Amino acid sequence: MFRLTSEQQGSLARHRGERSYPSEREGSGGPPVGLLIAGVVVIGLGVAAWSYLGPDLRRYLKIQSM
């Protein structure tokens, strides 16, 4: 069976009167949604850890430098 390229699919959809949405095409070029969610979670955990451990870490570093 043959596969159409994204340009051929778009022209075929226009010819039929259908809409071709970018999310329906393969290789739309954007990063995967799961990767974005994972990045936001990692940043959130980093901020939470810094706000929880930050004062103690600063105090420990200050004692070490004495």
PDB file of N, CA and C in Angstrom:
ATOM      1  N   MET A   1       0.841  -1.171   0.000  1.00  0.00           N
ATOM      2  CA  MET A   1       0.000   0.000   0.000  1.00  0.00           C
ATOM      3  C   MET A   1       0.889   1.238   0.000  1.00  0.00           C
ATOM      4  N   PHE A   2       0.498   2.282  -0.653  1.00  0.00           N
ATOM      5  CA  PHE A   2       1.307   3.494  -0.754  1.00  0.00           C
ATOM      6  C   PHE A   2       0.883   4.506   0.297  1.00  0.00           C
ATOM      7  N   ARG A   3       1.810   5.400   0.617  1.00  0.00           N
ATOM      8  CA  ARG A   3       1.542   6.459   1.598  1.00  0.00           C
ATOM      9  C   ARG A   3       1.629   7.807   0.905  1.00  0.00           C
ATOM     10  N   LEU A   4       0.735   8.690   1.270  1.00  0.00           N
ATOM     11  CA  LEU A   4       0.750  10.039   0.725  1.00  0.00           C
ATOM     12  C   LEU A   4       1.622  10.923   1.608  1.00  0.00           C
ATOM     13  N   THR A   5       2.308  11.878   0.991  1.00  0.00           N
ATOM     14  CA  THR A   5       3.054  12.855   1.769  1.00  0.00           C
ATOM     15  C   THR A   5       2.070  13.851   2.372  1.00  0.00           C
ATOM     16  N   SER A   6       2.543  14.652   3.314  1.00  0.00           N
ATOM     17  CA  SER A   6       1.651  15.614   3.964  1.00  0.00           C
ATOM     18  C   SER A   6       1.128  16.647   2.962  1.00  0.00           C
ATOM     19  N   GLU A   7       1.954  16.997   1.966  1.00  0.00           N
ATOM     20  CA  GLU A   7       1.493  17.956   0.965  1.00  0.00           C
ATOM     21  C   GLU A   7       0.388  17.343   0.105  1.00  0.00           C
ATOM     22  N   GLN A   8       0.549  16.067  -0.239  1.00  0.00           N
ATOM     23  CA  GLN A   8      -0.475  15.396  -1.035  1.00  0.00           C
ATOM     24  C   GLN A   8      -1.753  15.230  -0.238  1.00  0.00           C
ATOM     25  N   GLN A   9      -1.641  14.934   1.061  1.00  0.00           N
ATOM     26  CA  GLN A   9      -2.828  14.800   1.900  1.00  0.00           C
ATOM     27  C   GLN A   9      -3.573  16.123   1.996  1.00  0.00           C
ATOM     28  N   GLY A  10      -2.811  17.221   2.145  1.00  0.00           N
ATOM     29  CA  GLY A  10      -3.448  18.538   2.232  1.00  0.00           C
ATOM     30  C   GLY A  10      -4.161  18.916   0.955  1.00  0.00           C
ATOM     31  N   SER A  11      -3.520  18.640  -0.196  1.00  0.00           N
ATOM     32  CA  SER A  11      -4.162  18.980  -1.458  1.00  0.00           C
ATOM     33  C   SER A  11      -5.367  18.086  -1.707  1.00  0.00           C
ATOM     34  N   LEU A  12      -5.290  16.818  -1.281  1.00  0.00           N
ATOM     35  CA  LEU A  12      -6.423  15.919  -1.438  1.00  0.00           C
ATOM     36  C   LEU A  12      -7.583  16.367  -0.560  1.00  0.00           C
ATOM     37  N   ALA A  13      -7.279  16.796   0.662  1.00  0.00           N
ATOM     38  CA  ALA A  13      -8.326  17.259   1.572  1.00  0.00           C
ATOM     39  C   ALA A  13      -8.971  18.538   1.031  1.00  0.00           C
ATOM     40  N   ARG A  14      -8.158  19.444   0.467  1.00  0.00           N
ATOM     41  CA  ARG A  14      -8.738  20.664  -0.120  1.00  0.00           C
ATOM     42  C   ARG A  14      -9.596  20.329  -1.329  1.00  0.00           C
ATOM     43  N   HIS A  15      -9.159  19.366  -2.091  1.00  0.00           N
ATOM     44  CA  HIS A  15      -9.918  18.970  -3.276  1.00  0.00           C
ATOM     45  C   HIS A  15     -11.267  18.384  -2.871  1.00  0.00           C
ATOM     46  N   ARG A  16     -11.297  17.635  -1.787  1.00  0.00           N
ATOM     47  CA  ARG A  16     -12.543  17.038  -1.312  1.00  0.00           C
ATOM     48  C   ARG A  16     -13.398  18.044  -0.547  1.00  0.00           C
ATOM     49  N   GLY A  17     -12.834  19.167  -0.161  1.00  0.00           N
ATOM     50  CA  GLY A  17     -13.561  20.157   0.621  1.00  0.00           C
ATOM     51  C   GLY A  17     -13.421  19.933   2.116  1.00  0.00           C
ATOM     52  N   GLU A  18     -12.517  19.053   2.515  1.00  0.00           N
ATOM     53  CA  GLU A  18     -12.291  18.789   3.929  1.00  0.00           C
ATOM     54  C   GLU A  18     -11.191  19.709   4.444  1.00  0.00           C
ATOM     55  N   ARG A  19     -11.147  19.851   5.734  1.00  0.00           N
ATOM     56  CA  ARG A  19     -10.085  20.643   6.345  1.00  0.00           C
ATOM     57  C   ARG A  19      -8.958  19.715   6.759  1.00  0.00           C
ATOM     58  N   SER A  20      -7.756  20.191   6.609  1.00  0.00           N
ATOM     59  CA  SER A  20      -6.589  19.434   7.028  1.00  0.00           C
ATOM     60  C   SER A  20      -5.971  20.146   8.227  1.00  0.00           C
ATOM     61  N   TYR A  21      -6.127  19.569   9.405  1.00  0.00           N
ATOM     62  CA  TYR A  21      -5.619  20.175  10.619  1.00  0.00           C
ATOM     63  C   TYR A  21      -4.175  19.757  10.845  1.00  0.00           C
ATOM     64  N   PRO A  22      -3.348  20.652  11.363  1.00  0.00           N
ATOM     65  CA  PRO A  22      -1.934  20.310  11.591  1.00  0.00           C
ATOM     66  C   PRO A  22      -1.752  19.143  12.555  1.00  0.00           C
ATOM     67  N   SER A  23      -2.662  18.992  13.526  1.00  0.00           N
ATOM     68  CA  SER A  23      -2.507  17.910  14.495  1.00  0.00           C
ATOM     69  C   SER A  23      -2.767  16.550  13.867  1.00  0.00           C
ATOM     70  N   GLU A  24      -3.466  16.516  12.743  1.00  0.00           N
ATOM     71  CA  GLU A  24      -3.751  15.259  12.073  1.00  0.00           C
ATOM     72  C   GLU A  24      -2.597  14.814  11.192  1.00  0.00           C
ATOM     73  N   ARG A  25      -1.726  15.746  10.828  1.00  0.00           N
ATOM     74  CA  ARG A  25      -0.607  15.408   9.964  1.00  0.00           C
ATOM     75  C   ARG A  25       0.531  14.831  10.767  1.00  0.00           C
ATOM     76  N   GLU A  26       1.290  13.949  10.152  1.00  0.00           N
ATOM     77  CA  GLU A  26       2.456  13.397  10.815  1.00  0.00           C
ATOM     78  C   GLU A  26       3.581  14.426  10.766  1.00  0.00           C
ATOM     79  N   GLY A  27       4.362  14.476  11.828  1.00  0.00           N
ATOM     80  CA  GLY A  27       5.514  15.358  11.846  1.00  0.00           C
ATOM     81  C   GLY A  27       5.139  16.822  11.785  1.00  0.00           C
ATOM     82  N   SER A  28       4.217  17.242  12.648  1.00  0.00           N
ATOM     83  CA  SER A  28       3.773  18.632  12.615  1.00  0.00           C
ATOM     84  C   SER A  28       4.866  19.598  13.057  1.00  0.00           C
ATOM     85  N   GLY A  29       5.973  19.083  13.639  1.00  0.00           N
ATOM     86  CA  GLY A  29       7.109  19.929  13.950  1.00  0.00           C
ATOM     87  C   GLY A  29       7.190  20.406  15.376  1.00  0.00           C
ATOM     88  N   GLY A  30       6.136  20.297  16.159  1.00  0.00           N
ATOM     89  CA  GLY A  30       6.169  20.755  17.538  1.00  0.00           C
ATOM     90  C   GLY A  30       6.694  19.674  18.463  1.00  0.00           C
ATOM     91  N   PRO A  31       7.147  20.088  19.652  1.00  0.00           N
ATOM     92  CA  PRO A  31       7.611  19.085  20.613  1.00  0.00           C
ATOM     93  C   PRO A  31       6.429  18.278  21.145  1.00  0.00           C
ATOM     94  N   PRO A  32       6.656  17.048  21.532  1.00  0.00           N
ATOM     95  CA  PRO A  32       5.573  16.233  22.085  1.00  0.00           C
ATOM     96  C   PRO A  32       5.016  16.848  23.364  1.00  0.00           C
ATOM     97  N   VAL A  33       3.727  16.702  23.573  1.00  0.00           N
ATOM     98  CA  VAL A  33       3.068  17.292  24.733  1.00  0.00           C
ATOM     99  C   VAL A  33       3.603  16.662  26.021  1.00  0.00           C
ATOM    100  N   GLY A  34       3.875  15.370  25.998  1.00  0.00           N
ATOM    101  CA  GLY A  34       4.401  14.694  27.180  1.00  0.00           C
ATOM    102  C   GLY A  34       5.728  15.276  27.629  1.00  0.00           C
ATOM    103  N   LEU A  35       6.556  15.663  26.671  1.00  0.00           N
ATOM    104  CA  LEU A  35       7.848  16.260  27.004  1.00  0.00           C
ATOM    105  C   LEU A  35       7.658  17.622  27.669  1.00  0.00           C
ATOM    106  N   LEU A  36       6.711  18.391  27.192  1.00  0.00           N
ATOM    107  CA  LEU A  36       6.435  19.696  27.806  1.00  0.00           C
ATOM    108  C   LEU A  36       5.917  19.538  29.227  1.00  0.00           C
ATOM    109  N   ILE A  37       5.022  18.578  29.437  1.00  0.00           N
ATOM    110  CA  ILE A  37       4.477  18.340  30.775  1.00  0.00           C
ATOM    111  C   ILE A  37       5.584  17.887  31.719  1.00  0.00           C
ATOM    112  N   ALA A  38       6.453  16.993  31.243  1.00  0.00           N
ATOM    113  CA  ALA A  38       7.565  16.522  32.074  1.00  0.00           C
ATOM    114  C   ALA A  38       8.490  17.682  32.446  1.00  0.00           C
ATOM    115  N   GLY A  39       8.740  18.594  31.523  1.00  0.00           N
ATOM    116  CA  GLY A  39       9.582  19.756  31.807  1.00  0.00           C
ATOM    117  C   GLY A  39       8.969  20.655  32.861  1.00  0.00           C
ATOM    118  N   VAL A  40       7.672  20.874  32.776  1.00  0.00           N
ATOM    119  CA  VAL A  40       6.986  21.717  33.762  1.00  0.00           C
ATOM    120  C   VAL A  40       7.028  21.051  35.139  1.00  0.00           C
ATOM    121  N   VAL A  41       6.857  19.731  35.185  1.00  0.00           N
ATOM    122  CA  VAL A  41       6.898  19.012  36.460  1.00  0.00           C
ATOM    123  C   VAL A  41       8.297  19.109  37.083  1.00  0.00           C
ATOM    124  N   VAL A  42       9.328  18.947  36.274  1.00  0.00           N
ATOM    125  CA  VAL A  42      10.700  19.030  36.788  1.00  0.00           C
ATOM    126  C   VAL A  42      10.996  20.429  37.322  1.00  0.00           C
ATOM    127  N   ILE A  43      10.574  21.443  36.604  1.00  0.00           N
ATOM    128  CA  ILE A  43      10.784  22.816  37.071  1.00  0.00           C
ATOM    129  C   ILE A  43      10.009  23.066  38.366  1.00  0.00           C
ATOM    130  N   GLY A  44       8.778  22.580  38.444  1.00  0.00           N
ATOM    131  CA  GLY A  44       7.980  22.740  39.659  1.00  0.00           C
ATOM    132  C   GLY A  44       8.603  22.048  40.853  1.00  0.00           C
ATOM    133  N   LEU A  45       9.129  20.841  40.646  1.00  0.00           N
ATOM    134  CA  LEU A  45       9.802  20.142  41.741  1.00  0.00           C
ATOM    135  C   LEU A  45      11.070  20.875  42.173  1.00  0.00           C
ATOM    136  N   GLY A  46      11.786  21.458  41.228  1.00  0.00           N
ATOM    137  CA  GLY A  46      12.976  22.222  41.566  1.00  0.00           C
ATOM    138  C   GLY A  46      12.644  23.446  42.399  1.00  0.00           C
ATOM    139  N   VAL A  47      11.595  24.149  42.029  1.00  0.00           N
ATOM    140  CA  VAL A  47      11.181  25.340  42.796  1.00  0.00           C
ATOM    141  C   VAL A  47      10.715  24.936  44.189  1.00  0.00           C
ATOM    142  N   ALA A  48       9.955  23.845  44.289  1.00  0.00           N
ATOM    143  CA  ALA A  48       9.481  23.385  45.601  1.00  0.00           C
ATOM    144  C   ALA A  48      10.656  22.966  46.477  1.00  0.00           C
ATOM    145  N   ALA A  49      11.614  22.252  45.902  1.00  0.00           N
ATOM    146  CA  ALA A  49      12.783  21.822  46.680  1.00  0.00           C
ATOM    147  C   ALA A  49      13.595  23.022  47.137  1.00  0.00           C
ATOM    148  N   TRP A  50      13.765  24.018  46.264  1.00  0.00           N
ATOM    149  CA  TRP A  50      14.547  25.195  46.647  1.00  0.00           C
ATOM    150  C   TRP A  50      13.847  25.986  47.757  1.00  0.00           C
ATOM    151  N   SER A  51      12.525  26.120  47.658  1.00  0.00           N
ATOM    152  CA  SER A  51      11.821  26.871  48.697  1.00  0.00           C
ATOM    153  C   SER A  51      11.815  26.110  50.020  1.00  0.00           C
ATOM    154  N   TYR A  52      11.853  24.779  49.972  1.00  0.00           N
ATOM    155  CA  TYR A  52      11.855  23.985  51.189  1.00  0.00           C
ATOM    156  C   TYR A  52      13.252  23.856  51.785  1.00  0.00           C
ATOM    157  N   LEU A  53      14.259  23.629  50.941  1.00  0.00           N
ATOM    158  CA  LEU A  53      15.614  23.382  51.423  1.00  0.00           C
ATOM    159  C   LEU A  53      16.525  24.604  51.352  1.00  0.00           C
ATOM    160  N   GLY A  54      16.111  25.654  50.686  1.00  0.00           N
ATOM    161  CA  GLY A  54      16.963  26.816  50.475  1.00  0.00           C
ATOM    162  C   GLY A  54      17.514  27.456  51.723  1.00  0.00           C
ATOM    163  N   PRO A  55      16.678  27.801  52.702  1.00  0.00           N
ATOM    164  CA  PRO A  55      17.209  28.442  53.917  1.00  0.00           C
ATOM    165  C   PRO A  55      18.198  27.555  54.672  1.00  0.00           C
ATOM    166  N   ASP A  56      17.904  26.273  54.794  1.00  0.00           N
ATOM    167  CA  ASP A  56      18.819  25.359  55.487  1.00  0.00           C
ATOM    168  C   ASP A  56      20.122  25.208  54.718  1.00  0.00           C
ATOM    169  N   LEU A  57      20.039  25.157  53.417  1.00  0.00           N
ATOM    170  CA  LEU A  57      21.242  25.020  52.599  1.00  0.00           C
ATOM    171  C   LEU A  57      22.126  26.261  52.732  1.00  0.00           C
ATOM    172  N   ARG A  58      21.518  27.437  52.722  1.00  0.00           N
ATOM    173  CA  ARG A  58      22.296  28.667  52.907  1.00  0.00           C
ATOM    174  C   ARG A  58      22.958  28.708  54.281  1.00  0.00           C
ATOM    175  N   ARG A  59      22.222  28.298  55.301  1.00  0.00           N
ATOM    176  CA  ARG A  59      22.775  28.271  56.660  1.00  0.00           C
ATOM    177  C   ARG A  59      23.936  27.276  56.745  1.00  0.00           C
ATOM    178  N   TYR A  60      23.785  26.102  56.141  1.00  0.00           N
ATOM    179  CA  TYR A  60      24.846  25.090  56.146  1.00  0.00           C
ATOM    180  C   TYR A  60      26.092  25.613  55.432  1.00  0.00           C
ATOM    181  N   LEU A  61      25.914  26.261  54.298  1.00  0.00           N
ATOM    182  CA  LEU A  61      27.054  26.795  53.558  1.00  0.00           C
ATOM    183  C   LEU A  61      27.751  27.911  54.337  1.00  0.00           C
ATOM    184  N   LYS A  62      26.992  28.684  55.065  1.00  0.00           N
ATOM    185  CA  LYS A  62      27.552  29.757  55.881  1.00  0.00           C
ATOM    186  C   LYS A  62      28.393  29.178  57.026  1.00  0.00           C
ATOM    187  N   ILE A  63      27.901  28.113  57.661  1.00  0.00           N
ATOM    188  CA  ILE A  63      28.636  27.456  58.746  1.00  0.00           C
ATOM    189  C   ILE A  63      29.910  26.823  58.208  1.00  0.00           C
ATOM    190  N   GLN A  64      29.860  26.230  57.024  1.00  0.00           N
ATOM    191  CA  GLN A  64      31.021  25.582  56.421  1.00  0.00           C
ATOM    192  C   GLN A  64      32.127  26.599  56.126  1.00  0.00           C
ATOM    193  N   SER A  65      31.758  27.808  55.772  1.00  0.00           N
ATOM    194  CA  SER A  65      32.771  28.806  55.397  1.00  0.00           C
ATOM    195  C   SER A  65      33.413  29.467  56.621  1.00  0.00           C
ATOM    196  N   MET A  66      32.912  29.203  57.808  1.00  0.00           N
ATOM    197  CA  MET A  66      33.494  29.809  59.025  1.00  0.00           C
ATOM    198  C   MET A  66      34.778  29.136  59.406  1.00  0.00           C
TER     199      MET A  66
END
